[in-house]
Amino acid sequence: MTREFDGFMKQLGAKGYQKGQGFNLQAVKRLSSAERERAEDLLVTAVEAGDTTAIPALGALGSRRAEETLRRQYAATDSPGYKHAVLASALWHTTADEGFREALFSDLASVQEEHDRLAILTMTIQTQPSRQFVPSYFSIVEHDSRGLGAPPK
């Protein structure tokens, strides 16, 4: 097993603060073929059991099975909400479907819990192309602070 897979397994079994740090998505993408298959099985089980920290890692695998699992979970998850946003973000990164990016803006505009809003804001910003990152960040924050939802295009 590679160092990346060892780190993956350590994170999969993490608790508390360490669990909240999530998976190293770049390391997940570097797993060998056999490791990716094993990781996919473990992540599908974790996502289906309600582990939101496994959602981005499953999306990073980018397989058909991963996308199907994420789409099923997305369809079964109420909006707005943190889990809905995490699923929308993972699906946007997997498919680049603008509908998932729009769902992030909708969740951002509707979620009331401040911690969740900050996390969703971060996910929303990460959907911006790097050359647009800073202007987009300020536009999103300005609109969000005024309760306007998604900034104009």
C-alpha atoms as a PDB file:
ATOM      1  CA  MET A   1       0.000   0.000   0.000  1.00  0.00           C
ATOM      2  CA  THR A   2       1.129   3.526  -0.737  1.00  0.00           C
ATOM      3  CA  ARG A   3       1.627   6.393   1.695  1.00  0.00           C
ATOM      4  CA  GLU A   4      -1.464   8.023   0.169  1.00  0.00           C
ATOM      5  CA  PHE A   5      -3.594   4.985   0.979  1.00  0.00           C
ATOM      6  CA  ASP A   6      -2.202   4.795   4.507  1.00  0.00           C
ATOM      7  CA  GLY A   7      -3.202   8.448   4.988  1.00  0.00           C
ATOM      8  CA  PHE A   8      -6.605   7.731   3.496  1.00  0.00           C
ATOM      9  CA  MET A   9      -7.208   4.860   5.929  1.00  0.00           C
ATOM     10  CA  LYS A  10      -6.024   6.960   8.871  1.00  0.00           C
ATOM     11  CA  GLN A  11      -8.464   9.728   7.933  1.00  0.00           C
ATOM     12  CA  LEU A  12     -11.295   7.262   7.381  1.00  0.00           C
ATOM     13  CA  GLY A  13     -10.936   6.116  10.993  1.00  0.00           C
ATOM     14  CA  ALA A  14     -10.320   9.583  12.434  1.00  0.00           C
ATOM     15  CA  LYS A  15     -12.453  11.055  15.205  1.00  0.00           C
ATOM     16  CA  GLY A  16     -13.186  14.551  16.490  1.00  0.00           C
ATOM     17  CA  TYR A  17     -11.144  17.450  15.189  1.00  0.00           C
ATOM     18  CA  GLN A  18      -8.997  15.252  12.920  1.00  0.00           C
ATOM     19  CA  LYS A  19     -12.120  13.826  11.247  1.00  0.00           C
ATOM     20  CA  GLY A  20     -13.390  17.337  10.622  1.00  0.00           C
ATOM     21  CA  GLN A  21     -10.235  18.172   8.688  1.00  0.00           C
ATOM     22  CA  GLY A  22     -11.376  15.874   5.889  1.00  0.00           C
ATOM     23  CA  PHE A  23      -9.459  13.864   3.350  1.00  0.00           C
ATOM     24  CA  ASN A  24      -6.445  15.034   1.374  1.00  0.00           C
ATOM     25  CA  LEU A  25      -8.210  15.154  -2.004  1.00  0.00           C
ATOM     26  CA  GLN A  26      -4.984  15.397  -4.002  1.00  0.00           C
ATOM     27  CA  ALA A  27      -3.716  12.225  -2.303  1.00  0.00           C
ATOM     28  CA  VAL A  28      -7.047  10.482  -3.006  1.00  0.00           C
ATOM     29  CA  LYS A  29      -6.623  11.315  -6.695  1.00  0.00           C
ATOM     30  CA  ARG A  30      -3.131   9.738  -6.653  1.00  0.00           C
ATOM     31  CA  LEU A  31      -4.263   6.346  -5.309  1.00  0.00           C
ATOM     32  CA  SER A  32      -3.378   3.339  -7.433  1.00  0.00           C
ATOM     33  CA  SER A  33      -6.142   1.590  -9.352  1.00  0.00           C
ATOM     34  CA  ALA A  34      -6.530  -1.151  -6.755  1.00  0.00           C
ATOM     35  CA  GLU A  35      -6.442   1.390  -3.918  1.00  0.00           C
ATOM     36  CA  ARG A  36      -9.060   3.547  -5.664  1.00  0.00           C
ATOM     37  CA  GLU A  37     -11.421   0.560  -5.909  1.00  0.00           C
ATOM     38  CA  ARG A  38     -11.000  -0.216  -2.205  1.00  0.00           C
ATOM     39  CA  ALA A  39     -11.321   3.457  -1.262  1.00  0.00           C
ATOM     40  CA  GLU A  40     -14.465   3.770  -3.366  1.00  0.00           C
ATOM     41  CA  ASP A  41     -16.101   0.834  -1.559  1.00  0.00           C
ATOM     42  CA  LEU A  42     -15.240   2.333   1.815  1.00  0.00           C
ATOM     43  CA  LEU A  43     -16.332   5.844   0.861  1.00  0.00           C
ATOM     44  CA  VAL A  44     -19.667   4.712  -0.619  1.00  0.00           C
ATOM     45  CA  THR A  45     -20.376   2.885   2.644  1.00  0.00           C
ATOM     46  CA  ALA A  46     -19.374   5.956   4.675  1.00  0.00           C
ATOM     47  CA  VAL A  47     -21.471   8.367   2.577  1.00  0.00           C
ATOM     48  CA  GLU A  48     -24.492   6.077   2.720  1.00  0.00           C
ATOM     49  CA  ALA A  49     -24.060   5.953   6.516  1.00  0.00           C
ATOM     50  CA  GLY A  50     -24.240   9.766   6.654  1.00  0.00           C
ATOM     51  CA  ASP A  51     -20.539  10.701   6.873  1.00  0.00           C
ATOM     52  CA  THR A  52     -20.365  14.126   5.217  1.00  0.00           C
ATOM     53  CA  THR A  53     -16.544  14.192   5.430  1.00  0.00           C
ATOM     54  CA  ALA A  54     -16.433  11.296   2.949  1.00  0.00           C
ATOM     55  CA  ILE A  55     -18.462  13.154   0.285  1.00  0.00           C
ATOM     56  CA  PRO A  56     -15.645  15.309  -1.186  1.00  0.00           C
ATOM     57  CA  ALA A  57     -13.284  12.314  -1.257  1.00  0.00           C
ATOM     58  CA  LEU A  58     -15.844  10.203  -3.091  1.00  0.00           C
ATOM     59  CA  GLY A  59     -16.308  13.045  -5.565  1.00  0.00           C
ATOM     60  CA  ALA A  60     -12.534  13.304  -6.025  1.00  0.00           C
ATOM     61  CA  LEU A  61     -12.474   9.713  -7.274  1.00  0.00           C
ATOM     62  CA  GLY A  62     -14.656  10.826 -10.175  1.00  0.00           C
ATOM     63  CA  SER A  63     -15.893   7.346 -11.069  1.00  0.00           C
ATOM     64  CA  ARG A  64     -19.319   6.570 -12.437  1.00  0.00           C
ATOM     65  CA  ARG A  65     -20.234   4.715  -9.242  1.00  0.00           C
ATOM     66  CA  ALA A  66     -19.066   7.667  -7.124  1.00  0.00           C
ATOM     67  CA  GLU A  67     -21.143  10.105  -9.170  1.00  0.00           C
ATOM     68  CA  GLU A  68     -24.215   7.846  -9.046  1.00  0.00           C
ATOM     69  CA  THR A  69     -23.914   7.530  -5.260  1.00  0.00           C
ATOM     70  CA  LEU A  70     -23.550  11.289  -4.867  1.00  0.00           C
ATOM     71  CA  ARG A  71     -26.526  11.965  -7.151  1.00  0.00           C
ATOM     72  CA  ARG A  72     -28.717   9.535  -5.163  1.00  0.00           C
ATOM     73  CA  GLN A  73     -27.711  11.163  -1.910  1.00  0.00           C
ATOM     74  CA  TYR A  74     -28.283  14.632  -3.378  1.00  0.00           C
ATOM     75  CA  ALA A  75     -31.783  13.715  -4.537  1.00  0.00           C
ATOM     76  CA  ALA A  76     -32.608  12.326  -1.088  1.00  0.00           C
ATOM     77  CA  THR A  77     -31.227  15.311   0.868  1.00  0.00           C
ATOM     78  CA  ASP A  78     -33.336  18.290   1.859  1.00  0.00           C
ATOM     79  CA  SER A  79     -32.335  21.737   0.687  1.00  0.00           C
ATOM     80  CA  PRO A  80     -31.148  24.073   2.051  1.00  0.00           C
ATOM     81  CA  GLY A  81     -28.611  22.540   4.322  1.00  0.00           C
ATOM     82  CA  TYR A  82     -24.974  21.817   4.929  1.00  0.00           C
ATOM     83  CA  LYS A  83     -25.113  18.227   3.636  1.00  0.00           C
ATOM     84  CA  HIS A  84     -26.986  19.373   0.522  1.00  0.00           C
ATOM     85  CA  ALA A  85     -24.248  21.941  -0.116  1.00  0.00           C
ATOM     86  CA  VAL A  86     -21.430  19.416   0.401  1.00  0.00           C
ATOM     87  CA  LEU A  87     -23.107  17.095  -2.103  1.00  0.00           C
ATOM     88  CA  ALA A  88     -23.678  19.941  -4.574  1.00  0.00           C
ATOM     89  CA  SER A  89     -20.031  20.974  -4.276  1.00  0.00           C
ATOM     90  CA  ALA A  90     -18.734  17.433  -4.825  1.00  0.00           C
ATOM     91  CA  LEU A  91     -21.045  16.986  -7.803  1.00  0.00           C
ATOM     92  CA  TRP A  92     -20.015  20.330  -9.281  1.00  0.00           C
ATOM     93  CA  HIS A  93     -16.338  19.357  -9.001  1.00  0.00           C
ATOM     94  CA  THR A  94     -17.125  15.977 -10.560  1.00  0.00           C
ATOM     95  CA  THR A  95     -19.415  17.135 -13.392  1.00  0.00           C
ATOM     96  CA  ALA A  96     -18.941  20.944 -13.756  1.00  0.00           C
ATOM     97  CA  ASP A  97     -22.750  21.111 -14.038  1.00  0.00           C
ATOM     98  CA  GLU A  98     -23.680  24.734 -13.292  1.00  0.00           C
ATOM     99  CA  GLY A  99     -26.918  23.561 -11.649  1.00  0.00           C
ATOM    100  CA  PHE A 100     -24.871  22.284  -8.700  1.00  0.00           C
ATOM    101  CA  ARG A 101     -23.037  25.599  -8.420  1.00  0.00           C
ATOM    102  CA  GLU A 102     -26.375  27.399  -8.379  1.00  0.00           C
ATOM    103  CA  ALA A 103     -27.545  25.015  -5.637  1.00  0.00           C
ATOM    104  CA  LEU A 104     -24.560  26.149  -3.545  1.00  0.00           C
ATOM    105  CA  PHE A 105     -25.638  29.784  -3.920  1.00  0.00           C
ATOM    106  CA  SER A 106     -29.181  28.835  -2.975  1.00  0.00           C
ATOM    107  CA  ASP A 107     -27.995  26.977   0.127  1.00  0.00           C
ATOM    108  CA  LEU A 108     -25.738  29.901   1.040  1.00  0.00           C
ATOM    109  CA  ALA A 109     -28.655  32.321   0.817  1.00  0.00           C
ATOM    110  CA  SER A 110     -30.946  30.100   2.888  1.00  0.00           C
ATOM    111  CA  VAL A 111     -28.880  28.451   5.630  1.00  0.00           C
ATOM    112  CA  GLN A 112     -29.063  30.339   8.929  1.00  0.00           C
ATOM    113  CA  GLU A 113     -26.395  28.612  11.058  1.00  0.00           C
ATOM    114  CA  GLU A 114     -23.282  30.820  10.854  1.00  0.00           C
ATOM    115  CA  HIS A 115     -20.756  27.948  10.907  1.00  0.00           C
ATOM    116  CA  ASP A 116     -22.587  26.218   8.046  1.00  0.00           C
ATOM    117  CA  ARG A 117     -22.833  29.494   6.102  1.00  0.00           C
ATOM    118  CA  LEU A 118     -19.068  29.993   6.326  1.00  0.00           C
ATOM    119  CA  ALA A 119     -18.418  26.433   5.181  1.00  0.00           C
ATOM    120  CA  ILE A 120     -20.859  26.835   2.270  1.00  0.00           C
ATOM    121  CA  LEU A 121     -19.292  30.186   1.389  1.00  0.00           C
ATOM    122  CA  THR A 122     -15.906  28.454   1.164  1.00  0.00           C
ATOM    123  CA  MET A 123     -17.364  25.706  -1.042  1.00  0.00           C
ATOM    124  CA  THR A 124     -18.964  28.332  -3.279  1.00  0.00           C
ATOM    125  CA  ILE A 125     -15.718  30.263  -3.641  1.00  0.00           C
ATOM    126  CA  GLN A 126     -13.902  27.058  -4.604  1.00  0.00           C
ATOM    127  CA  THR A 127     -16.132  26.770  -7.687  1.00  0.00           C
ATOM    128  CA  GLN A 128     -14.643  29.971  -9.126  1.00  0.00           C
ATOM    129  CA  PRO A 129     -11.885  29.882 -11.749  1.00  0.00           C
ATOM    130  CA  SER A 130      -8.624  31.047 -10.165  1.00  0.00           C
ATOM    131  CA  ARG A 131      -8.426  34.253 -12.255  1.00  0.00           C
ATOM    132  CA  GLN A 132     -11.849  35.218 -10.923  1.00  0.00           C
ATOM    133  CA  PHE A 133     -11.268  34.126  -7.344  1.00  0.00           C
ATOM    134  CA  VAL A 134     -10.657  37.457  -5.593  1.00  0.00           C
ATOM    135  CA  PRO A 135     -13.355  39.513  -7.413  1.00  0.00           C
ATOM    136  CA  SER A 136     -15.805  36.616  -7.035  1.00  0.00           C
ATOM    137  CA  TYR A 137     -15.017  36.258  -3.346  1.00  0.00           C
ATOM    138  CA  PHE A 138     -15.794  39.896  -2.634  1.00  0.00           C
ATOM    139  CA  SER A 139     -18.940  39.815  -4.765  1.00  0.00           C
ATOM    140  CA  ILE A 140     -20.221  36.686  -3.010  1.00  0.00           C
ATOM    141  CA  VAL A 141     -19.436  38.053   0.458  1.00  0.00           C
ATOM    142  CA  GLU A 142     -21.077  41.395  -0.321  1.00  0.00           C
ATOM    143  CA  HIS A 143     -24.254  39.769  -1.615  1.00  0.00           C
ATOM    144  CA  ASP A 144     -24.326  37.230   1.205  1.00  0.00           C
ATOM    145  CA  SER A 145     -23.893  39.868   3.892  1.00  0.00           C
ATOM    146  CA  ARG A 146     -26.900  41.689   2.491  1.00  0.00           C
ATOM    147  CA  GLY A 147     -28.916  38.447   2.241  1.00  0.00           C
ATOM    148  CA  LEU A 148     -29.145  38.637  -1.537  1.00  0.00           C
ATOM    149  CA  GLY A 149     -28.066  35.101  -2.376  1.00  0.00           C
ATOM    150  CA  ALA A 150     -26.133  34.586  -5.596  1.00  0.00           C
ATOM    151  CA  PRO A 151     -24.347  37.595  -7.076  1.00  0.00           C
ATOM    152  CA  PRO A 152     -25.410  38.722 -10.551  1.00  0.00           C
ATOM    153  CA  LYS A 153     -23.638  37.103 -13.480  1.00  0.00           C
END
